[in-house]
């Protein structure tokens, strides 16, 4: 999309705290009109122009005498207010049809600014807007999965490798193994509420929960080693974790192969899937195995960080992926933007 370029004679409208820059009594009301007229002229020549909700790079060059210029931040604030959508500003009858002229929806879309003054005998200024694609933040599926489980109270191990009895080739690996204990209660006065997909797994609140999670960039699914009993990988995972006695390995493994779940009076073990899309065949074959989609997992992470900002703010010891997630949660306006801007990478 071509950049939007406006050139206007005179000074830019400068934002101030006393009066709304769009009001009829603002001292720069005439400057507002000239800027909107320039935008209207550009839109007349280029009807498809405008940045909508996209991030924006804005360049402003002001030609003016040093003795008559305002502060750069006031100019930028004024230009942003004038060129954004004005639907929330109430009725603006003094602007007539110019009240409907806008080049983007919200000045918070302005992600990058290049501003400079240039000496000039007669004041004028140029505004150039370049619409960019929405910034995305890459996280691997395992990183998001790890934080989903960790924030739900699990002690989690990513990339749990199942080694062979002989030779060096791996038998398989579990994307994430997690254990959550029955008396989990983070914070004393106002305990955190964990995700419903986790809490509804319990058929008895007084026993630990262990999950073997398959984490996929795309559709939820279980890899062959977790559905093919002849491979014997489930027994190896049970042995490596030590969660049940050796004498129970075959019974527990067979239940996991057949239904994706096993429980007794002391323990619940479940397979678990995270991915981009629900798998109907998996739901038919393993109705007790949860399928959590990335928008739901990301929404949970967003809500947990936002709701407990103070409690979670000191986290120097976190892995880098957690620190990056925290930064991204506070770099957006709402959960929808966070989910849209987070790109899940990795295999599968």
Foldseek 3Di string as FASTA:
>chain_A
DDKDKFKFFDAAQFDDDPDDSLAPPDPCVVNLLRLLVRLVVSCVVVVPAAQELFAKEKEKEKAEDPVPDDDPVRRLVRSQVSQAQCPPVPDRVVNPPSNRHHRYHHSVSHDHYHYDYDYDPGIMMMMIMDGDHHAADEDALLLLVVVLVVLQAWPKDAFAWQPDPDDGDTLGTQGMKTKHALVDFPDDPDGDDHDPLVVVLDPDSHAMEIEREDGAAAEWDDDPVQQPCVSVVQLSVCVVVVPDDNVCSVVQSVCCNQAQWDDDPHYIYGYEYEYADYDPVCCVRHVSHYYHYQLRSLLRVLCVCVVPVPVPVDCPPDPPSVVVSSVLSVSDDDSVSSSVRYRHDDHD
